[in-house]
Amino acid sequence: MRALTWQGKRDVRVEEVPDPRIEDPTDAIVRITSTAICGSDLHLYEVLGPYLKPGDILGHEPMGIVEEVGPGVTRLKPGDRVVVPFNIACGSCWMCQRQLYAQCETTQVTAEGKGAALFGYTSLYGAVPGGQAQFLRVPHAEFGPIKVPTDGPDERWLYLSDILPTAWQAVKYADTPRGGTLAVFGLGPVGQFCARIGRHLGADRVIGLDLVPERLEMARRHGVEVLDISQLDDVPGTLIDLVDGRGPDAVIDAVGMESHGAPLGKMAQAAAGLLPDKLAQPMIDKVGIDRLVALKAALKGVRRGGTVSISGVYGGEVDPLPLMEMFDRGVQVRMGQCHVRRWTDEIIPLLTDDDPLGVADLRTHRLPLEQAPQAYEMFQKKQDGCVKVVLAP
């Protein structure tokens, strides 16, 4: 089959690789019909390369048609249309019983001290071959895959794999009071959905912050008040002034480790990436540092007693945070990898013809899998108005 493989920093290639096969009784093989590029895939393209090896198959936002199931899978059959969540969970362990699927004890990568295994996401998370490919082996298919209707374009359902439940969890964690104000830092795909979900779940006012014109315009189309941070000298101060001199009730950081405006953090990340893997891995794992401009602005811009919800991916171990200010202002913080299956039953009824979350207005580019290398470069450089790329194997 054809699959997108990692070969080095900013070097991904579509190559011929062996077809996946059933290895365990609860496996399924899915023929991929659509697979998206996630913002966190760009971390592999740039920062987290030391945890990859040439030939690793990327991608964790796939959907398609079940081709084959193992003898332990009774919930699915060949021909079913499914979306595959990015985290791999058994559905029955202690953590899964509490709907903490991103911490599944059956698939936890204990050797690295990490949570549940993820598709296409480095040796830190199990080195499981990903879904930017023609076929995907899905472990624990008796629980994980989400069956969806056979009608409607893929993009109606595809985002259930990651970004839609990730945004839903971020908004739930933000706990904006009905009639309150929510601010969203970063209007990439997750941030776009956070803003729309925030409005849908009752926030009276949603403020989106970014510096990419196409992202700002997309959010504006969905009733979001937007701020271009490139035009602001004091982002937290602006938020506080805009919302009753107090600041928003809740802030979501949908940016993560590679935020703009942090040259020292960028230099530290780049320096680690230049080292041999055996040196880079412990440096990233034990003394890694993130670019924290967006997170610090979120923590300082939220109102006293408010909540900061973090959905952006961070990987640093020694990140300096303004703890005195956080403590004094009583800021609550919630974060973590999304527990996809915890939220999908709530979201699916909204993926209707009325499309209240605007899922039809997110994808800006649909390209064949063979053009994935160009798509990664375009997405990273924010060229051609790119907000979301869907690949067609």
Protein backbone atom coordinates (compact mmCIF):
# COMPACT_ATOMS: atom_id res chain seq x y z
CA MET A 1 0.00 0.00 0.00
CA ARG A 2 0.94 3.66 -0.23
CA ALA A 3 1.59 5.55 3.00
CA LEU A 4 3.11 8.81 4.19
CA THR A 5 6.37 8.10 6.00
CA TRP A 6 8.61 10.28 8.13
CA GLN A 7 12.20 10.46 6.86
CA GLY A 8 13.68 13.40 8.76
CA LYS A 9 13.06 16.96 9.86
CA ARG A 10 10.63 18.53 7.37
CA ASP A 11 11.05 15.45 5.18
CA VAL A 12 7.97 13.26 4.70
CA ARG A 13 7.46 10.99 1.69
CA VAL A 14 4.75 8.77 0.24
CA GLU A 15 6.20 5.30 -0.19
CA GLU A 16 5.19 1.71 -0.85
CA VAL A 17 4.99 -0.19 2.45
CA PRO A 18 3.62 -3.63 3.47
CA ASP A 19 -0.13 -3.91 3.85
CA PRO A 20 -1.29 -4.21 7.48
CA ARG A 21 -2.78 -7.51 8.61
CA ILE A 22 -4.80 -8.85 11.52
CA GLU A 23 -2.37 -9.56 14.37
CA ASP A 24 -4.67 -9.85 17.40
CA PRO A 25 -8.26 -11.14 17.72
CA THR A 26 -9.62 -7.63 18.40
CA ASP A 27 -7.95 -6.01 15.37
CA ALA A 28 -9.71 -4.59 12.34
CA ILE A 29 -8.35 -3.49 8.98
CA VAL A 30 -9.86 -0.26 7.66
CA ARG A 31 -9.55 0.99 4.09
CA ILE A 32 -8.96 4.71 4.52
CA THR A 33 -11.17 7.04 2.49
CA SER A 34 -10.13 10.32 4.14
CA THR A 35 -7.35 11.24 6.55
CA ALA A 36 -6.49 14.71 7.79
CA ILE A 37 -3.29 16.50 8.73
CA CYS A 38 -3.43 17.68 12.34
CA GLY A 39 -1.67 20.65 13.83
CA SER A 40 0.09 18.24 16.19
CA ASP A 41 1.47 16.40 13.13
CA LEU A 42 3.51 19.54 12.55
CA HIS A 43 5.26 18.93 15.89
CA LEU A 44 6.56 15.67 14.36
CA TYR A 45 7.56 17.55 11.22
CA GLU A 46 9.69 19.89 13.31
CA VAL A 47 10.22 19.43 17.07
CA LEU A 48 9.60 15.78 18.02
CA GLY A 49 11.62 14.17 15.24
CA PRO A 50 14.10 12.53 17.65
CA TYR A 51 11.32 10.13 18.70
CA LEU A 52 10.69 8.97 15.12
CA LYS A 53 12.64 6.70 12.85
CA PRO A 54 12.75 6.80 9.04
CA GLY A 55 9.81 4.90 7.62
CA ASP A 56 7.37 5.55 10.48
CA ILE A 57 3.84 6.04 9.11
CA LEU A 58 2.21 9.27 10.25
CA GLY A 59 -1.39 10.36 10.78
CA HIS A 60 -4.05 10.05 13.45
CA GLU A 61 -7.25 11.52 11.94
CA PRO A 62 -8.57 8.75 9.65
CA MET A 63 -11.87 7.26 8.58
CA GLY A 64 -12.89 4.64 6.08
CA ILE A 65 -14.54 1.29 5.42
CA VAL A 66 -13.94 -1.86 7.46
CA GLU A 67 -12.31 -4.49 5.25
CA GLU A 68 -11.63 -7.28 7.75
CA VAL A 69 -12.10 -7.97 11.45
CA GLY A 70 -10.48 -10.40 13.88
CA PRO A 71 -12.47 -13.15 15.58
CA GLY A 72 -12.80 -11.07 18.76
CA VAL A 73 -14.61 -8.21 17.01
CA THR A 74 -18.39 -8.63 16.95
CA ARG A 75 -19.42 -4.96 16.94
CA LEU A 76 -18.11 -4.29 13.43
CA LYS A 77 -18.35 -6.10 10.12
CA PRO A 78 -16.79 -5.60 6.68
CA GLY A 79 -18.49 -2.75 4.89
CA ASP A 80 -19.14 -0.63 7.99
CA ARG A 81 -18.17 3.03 7.68
CA VAL A 82 -16.10 4.10 10.69
CA VAL A 83 -14.11 6.98 12.12
CA VAL A 84 -11.01 5.92 14.06
CA PRO A 85 -10.19 7.90 17.25
CA PHE A 86 -6.57 8.98 17.52
CA ASN A 87 -6.04 7.36 20.92
CA ILE A 88 -6.17 3.59 21.30
CA ALA A 89 -8.23 2.39 24.26
CA CYS A 90 -9.54 -0.99 25.34
CA GLY A 91 -12.79 0.36 26.81
CA SER A 92 -12.76 -1.92 29.86
CA CYS A 93 -9.74 -1.22 32.12
CA TRP A 94 -9.88 0.86 35.34
CA MET A 95 -9.21 4.11 33.46
CA CYS A 96 -11.60 3.33 30.62
CA GLN A 97 -14.38 2.50 33.08
CA ARG A 98 -14.01 6.11 34.26
CA GLN A 99 -14.04 7.37 30.65
CA LEU A 100 -10.38 8.40 30.90
CA TYR A 101 -9.66 6.77 27.57
CA ALA A 102 -6.47 8.76 26.91
CA GLN A 103 -5.02 7.04 29.99
CA CYS A 104 -6.08 3.48 29.05
CA GLU A 105 -4.05 1.08 31.21
CA THR A 106 -4.11 -1.63 28.55
CA THR A 107 -2.33 0.48 25.94
CA GLN A 108 -0.36 2.84 28.23
CA VAL A 109 3.22 3.25 27.00
CA THR A 110 4.70 2.55 30.42
CA ALA A 111 8.27 2.27 29.14
CA GLU A 112 8.12 5.99 28.31
CA GLY A 113 5.90 6.97 31.22
CA LYS A 114 3.14 8.08 28.87
CA GLY A 115 -0.61 7.49 28.54
CA ALA A 116 -2.56 5.51 25.98
CA ALA A 117 -0.96 4.62 22.67
CA LEU A 118 -1.70 6.91 19.74
CA PHE A 119 -1.79 6.27 16.03
CA GLY A 120 1.16 7.65 14.09
CA TYR A 121 2.74 9.52 16.99
CA THR A 122 6.34 8.55 17.79
CA SER A 123 7.89 5.97 20.09
CA LEU A 124 6.70 8.04 23.06
CA TYR A 125 3.18 6.84 22.28
CA GLY A 126 3.80 3.32 21.08
CA ALA A 127 5.13 3.81 17.53
CA VAL A 128 1.79 2.54 16.16
CA PRO A 129 1.60 2.93 12.35
CA GLY A 130 -0.67 5.84 11.49
CA GLY A 131 -3.60 6.55 9.23
CA GLN A 132 -2.14 8.68 6.43
CA ALA A 133 -2.16 5.55 4.33
CA GLN A 134 -4.42 3.43 2.17
CA PHE A 135 -5.08 0.90 4.95
CA LEU A 136 -4.86 0.95 8.75
CA ARG A 137 -4.66 -1.80 11.34
CA VAL A 138 -6.89 -0.75 14.25
CA PRO A 139 -6.17 -2.47 17.60
CA HIS A 140 -9.02 -2.85 20.13
CA ALA A 141 -11.56 -2.43 17.35
CA GLU A 142 -14.23 -3.95 19.56
CA PHE A 143 -14.32 -0.60 21.35
CA GLY A 144 -12.53 2.18 19.47
CA PRO A 145 -13.93 2.82 15.98
CA ILE A 146 -17.05 4.98 15.74
CA LYS A 147 -19.69 3.67 13.34
CA VAL A 148 -21.21 6.48 11.28
CA PRO A 149 -23.99 6.61 8.67
CA THR A 150 -23.22 5.63 5.12
CA ASP A 151 -24.53 8.92 3.69
CA GLY A 152 -22.94 12.35 3.72
CA PRO A 153 -19.43 13.47 2.78
CA ASP A 154 -16.50 12.21 4.82
CA GLU A 155 -15.87 15.67 6.26
CA ARG A 156 -19.20 15.51 8.08
CA TRP A 157 -17.81 12.70 10.27
CA LEU A 158 -14.01 12.77 9.86
CA TYR A 159 -13.34 15.32 12.60
CA LEU A 160 -14.73 12.91 15.23
CA SER A 161 -11.30 11.25 15.03
CA ASP A 162 -9.64 14.07 16.98
CA ILE A 163 -10.23 17.78 16.57
CA LEU A 164 -13.99 17.92 17.19
CA PRO A 165 -13.98 15.96 20.48
CA THR A 166 -10.72 17.69 21.44
CA ALA A 167 -12.45 21.05 21.05
CA TRP A 168 -15.59 19.78 22.84
CA GLN A 169 -13.49 18.62 25.80
CA ALA A 170 -11.62 21.94 25.89
CA VAL A 171 -14.91 23.86 26.07
CA LYS A 172 -16.34 21.51 28.70
CA TYR A 173 -13.17 21.90 30.76
CA ALA A 174 -13.33 25.69 30.36
CA ASP A 175 -16.75 25.60 32.05
CA THR A 176 -17.82 29.02 30.81
CA PRO A 177 -20.99 30.07 32.68
CA ARG A 178 -24.06 30.44 30.47
CA GLY A 179 -24.11 34.03 29.30
CA GLY A 180 -20.41 34.44 30.10
CA THR A 181 -17.38 35.19 27.94
CA LEU A 182 -14.95 32.68 26.46
CA ALA A 183 -11.67 33.59 24.77
CA VAL A 184 -9.88 31.19 22.44
CA PHE A 185 -6.16 31.57 21.74
CA GLY A 186 -5.31 30.12 18.34
CA LEU A 187 -7.84 29.77 15.53
CA GLY A 188 -6.44 26.72 13.82
CA PRO A 189 -8.82 23.77 13.33
CA VAL A 190 -9.23 23.01 17.06
CA GLY A 191 -9.57 26.67 17.96
CA GLN A 192 -12.20 27.18 15.24
CA PHE A 193 -14.29 24.38 16.71
CA CYS A 194 -13.71 25.60 20.29
CA ALA A 195 -15.14 28.99 19.36
CA ARG A 196 -18.19 27.50 17.61
CA ILE A 197 -18.84 24.97 20.39
CA GLY A 198 -18.48 27.70 23.00
CA ARG A 199 -21.27 29.65 21.30
CA HIS A 200 -23.37 26.50 20.88
CA LEU A 201 -23.05 25.61 24.57
CA GLY A 202 -24.18 28.98 25.79
CA ALA A 203 -21.33 31.49 25.97
CA ASP A 204 -22.78 34.92 25.30
CA ARG A 205 -19.54 36.22 23.88
CA VAL A 206 -16.65 34.36 22.22
CA ILE A 207 -13.41 36.15 21.43
CA GLY A 208 -10.92 34.47 19.09
CA LEU A 209 -7.25 35.50 18.91
CA ASP A 210 -4.87 34.75 16.05
CA LEU A 211 -2.71 36.54 13.50
CA VAL A 212 -3.52 34.64 10.29
CA PRO A 213 -6.07 36.59 8.20
CA GLU A 214 -7.82 33.51 6.80
CA ARG A 215 -8.31 32.04 10.27
CA LEU A 216 -9.64 35.32 11.63
CA GLU A 217 -12.09 35.61 8.75
CA MET A 218 -13.30 32.02 9.14
CA ALA A 219 -14.02 32.59 12.84
CA ARG A 220 -15.79 35.86 12.07
CA ARG A 221 -18.14 34.00 9.71
CA HIS A 222 -19.32 31.97 12.69
CA GLY A 223 -20.18 34.89 14.93
CA VAL A 224 -16.87 35.07 16.77
CA GLU A 225 -15.40 38.41 17.82
CA VAL A 226 -11.81 38.33 16.58
CA LEU A 227 -8.58 40.01 17.65
CA ASP A 228 -5.46 40.13 15.48
CA ILE A 229 -2.68 39.72 18.04
CA SER A 230 -0.11 41.16 15.64
CA GLN A 231 -1.86 44.50 16.17
CA LEU A 232 -1.81 44.34 19.98
CA ASP A 233 0.95 45.45 22.31
CA ASP A 234 -0.57 43.88 25.43
CA VAL A 235 -2.77 40.86 24.73
CA PRO A 236 -3.79 40.05 28.35
CA GLY A 237 -4.42 43.71 29.08
CA THR A 238 -6.58 44.03 25.97
CA LEU A 239 -8.70 41.05 27.03
CA ILE A 240 -9.17 42.43 30.52
CA ASP A 241 -10.17 45.83 29.17
CA LEU A 242 -12.59 44.28 26.65
CA VAL A 243 -14.49 42.28 29.26
CA ASP A 244 -15.68 44.60 32.02
CA GLY A 245 -12.16 45.36 33.24
CA ARG A 246 -12.03 41.79 34.62
CA GLY A 247 -11.24 39.56 31.66
CA PRO A 248 -13.13 36.58 30.19
CA ASP A 249 -14.62 33.91 32.45
CA ALA A 250 -12.63 31.22 30.64
CA VAL A 251 -9.77 31.03 28.17
CA ILE A 252 -8.81 28.11 25.94
CA ASP A 253 -5.20 27.73 24.79
CA ALA A 254 -5.51 25.95 21.44
CA VAL A 255 -1.96 26.88 20.39
CA GLY A 256 0.54 24.65 22.16
CA MET A 257 4.29 24.25 22.12
CA GLU A 258 5.12 26.16 18.93
CA SER A 259 3.44 29.51 19.50
CA HIS A 260 4.65 32.61 17.69
CA GLY A 261 6.65 35.28 19.47
CA ALA A 262 9.00 33.07 21.53
CA PRO A 263 12.42 33.24 19.86
CA LEU A 264 14.36 31.74 22.79
CA GLY A 265 11.99 28.78 23.07
CA LYS A 266 12.22 28.24 19.33
CA MET A 267 16.03 28.28 19.51
CA ALA A 268 16.01 25.73 22.35
CA GLN A 269 13.69 23.42 20.43
CA ALA A 270 15.79 23.74 17.28
CA ALA A 271 19.03 23.08 19.20
CA ALA A 272 17.64 19.87 20.69
CA GLY A 273 16.54 18.73 17.25
CA LEU A 274 20.10 19.04 15.92
CA LEU A 275 21.49 16.55 18.44
CA PRO A 276 21.75 12.80 17.80
CA ASP A 277 18.56 11.05 18.89
CA LYS A 278 20.19 9.38 21.91
CA LEU A 279 21.08 12.82 23.26
CA ALA A 280 18.02 14.69 22.01
CA GLN A 281 15.46 12.31 23.50
CA PRO A 282 16.46 12.70 27.18
CA MET A 283 16.99 16.43 26.69
CA ILE A 284 13.46 16.88 25.30
CA ASP A 285 11.94 14.52 27.88
CA LYS A 286 13.70 15.87 31.00
CA VAL A 287 14.62 19.49 30.28
CA GLY A 288 12.48 20.30 27.25
CA ILE A 289 11.02 23.78 26.99
CA ASP A 290 7.98 25.03 25.11
CA ARG A 291 7.14 28.36 23.54
CA LEU A 292 4.80 29.73 26.17
CA VAL A 293 3.69 33.10 24.86
CA ALA A 294 0.09 32.01 24.26
CA LEU A 295 -0.23 30.07 27.51
CA LYS A 296 1.16 32.90 29.63
CA ALA A 297 -1.16 35.38 27.93
CA ALA A 298 -4.10 33.05 28.62
CA LEU A 299 -3.16 32.73 32.30
CA LYS A 300 -2.77 36.50 32.69
CA GLY A 301 -5.79 37.46 30.60
CA VAL A 302 -8.46 35.29 32.23
CA ARG A 303 -10.48 36.93 35.01
CA ARG A 304 -9.72 36.26 38.66
CA GLY A 305 -11.24 32.92 39.64
CA GLY A 306 -11.58 32.00 35.97
CA THR A 307 -10.52 28.83 34.17
CA VAL A 308 -7.81 28.19 31.59
CA SER A 309 -8.40 25.07 29.50
CA ILE A 310 -5.39 23.78 27.57
CA SER A 311 -5.96 21.72 24.44
CA GLY A 312 -2.75 22.73 22.67
CA VAL A 313 -0.01 20.10 22.91
CA TYR A 314 2.91 20.83 25.25
CA GLY A 315 5.98 18.70 25.85
CA GLY A 316 8.29 20.67 28.13
CA GLU A 317 9.46 19.54 31.57
CA VAL A 318 10.95 22.80 32.87
CA ASP A 319 8.50 25.38 31.54
CA PRO A 320 8.48 28.51 33.76
CA LEU A 321 4.95 29.61 34.68
CA PRO A 322 3.77 32.70 36.61
CA LEU A 323 2.69 30.64 39.61
CA MET A 324 2.48 33.55 42.05
CA GLU A 325 0.10 35.39 39.77
CA MET A 326 -1.90 32.21 39.05
CA PHE A 327 -2.21 31.51 42.78
CA ASP A 328 -3.06 35.08 43.72
CA ARG A 329 -5.70 35.37 41.02
CA GLY A 330 -7.20 31.95 41.79
CA VAL A 331 -6.84 30.68 38.23
CA GLN A 332 -8.09 27.14 37.65
CA VAL A 333 -6.33 25.06 35.00
CA ARG A 334 -7.59 21.94 33.20
CA MET A 335 -5.80 20.15 30.42
CA GLY A 336 -4.96 16.85 28.85
CA GLN A 337 -5.17 14.54 25.89
CA CYS A 338 -8.74 14.19 24.66
CA HIS A 339 -10.81 11.19 25.82
CA VAL A 340 -12.39 10.91 22.38
CA ARG A 341 -15.07 8.28 23.00
CA ARG A 342 -16.22 10.11 26.14
CA TRP A 343 -17.68 12.88 24.00
CA THR A 344 -18.65 11.40 20.63
CA ASP A 345 -22.18 10.33 21.60
CA GLU A 346 -22.91 13.96 22.57
CA ILE A 347 -21.47 15.33 19.33
CA ILE A 348 -22.88 12.96 16.70
CA PRO A 349 -26.47 14.29 16.86
CA LEU A 350 -25.08 17.72 15.93
CA LEU A 351 -23.54 16.45 12.69
CA THR A 352 -26.79 16.92 10.83
CA ASP A 353 -27.94 18.75 7.74
CA ASP A 354 -28.39 21.87 9.89
CA ASP A 355 -24.69 21.63 10.83
CA PRO A 356 -24.81 23.87 13.93
CA LEU A 357 -21.04 23.47 14.46
CA GLY A 358 -20.18 24.36 10.88
CA VAL A 359 -18.18 21.21 10.13
CA ALA A 360 -18.72 21.84 6.41
CA ASP A 361 -16.79 25.10 6.77
CA LEU A 362 -13.37 24.01 7.95
CA ARG A 363 -11.51 22.05 5.29
CA THR A 364 -9.75 24.41 2.89
CA HIS A 365 -7.82 21.82 0.89
CA ARG A 366 -8.56 18.24 -0.19
CA LEU A 367 -5.60 16.62 -1.90
CA PRO A 368 -4.56 13.13 -2.96
CA LEU A 369 -2.31 11.29 -0.54
CA GLU A 370 0.54 11.54 -3.04
CA GLN A 371 0.62 15.30 -2.46
CA ALA A 372 0.95 14.97 1.32
CA PRO A 373 4.56 16.28 1.43
CA GLN A 374 3.50 19.51 -0.29
CA ALA A 375 0.44 19.69 1.98
CA TYR A 376 2.59 19.48 5.14
CA GLU A 377 4.78 22.32 3.93
CA MET A 378 1.77 24.44 2.95
CA PHE A 379 0.05 23.82 6.30
CA GLN A 380 3.17 24.62 8.34
CA LYS A 381 3.89 27.82 6.40
CA LYS A 382 0.18 28.82 6.39
CA GLN A 383 0.24 29.28 2.62
CA ASP A 384 -2.64 29.50 0.18
CA GLY A 385 -5.18 30.24 2.91
CA CYS A 386 -4.64 26.78 4.39
CA VAL A 387 -6.62 26.08 7.57
CA LYS A 388 -7.33 22.33 7.28
CA VAL A 389 -6.06 19.69 4.86
CA VAL A 390 -7.83 16.43 4.14
CA LEU A 391 -5.96 13.75 2.19
CA ALA A 392 -7.65 11.17 -0.03
CA PRO A 393 -5.75 7.88 -0.25
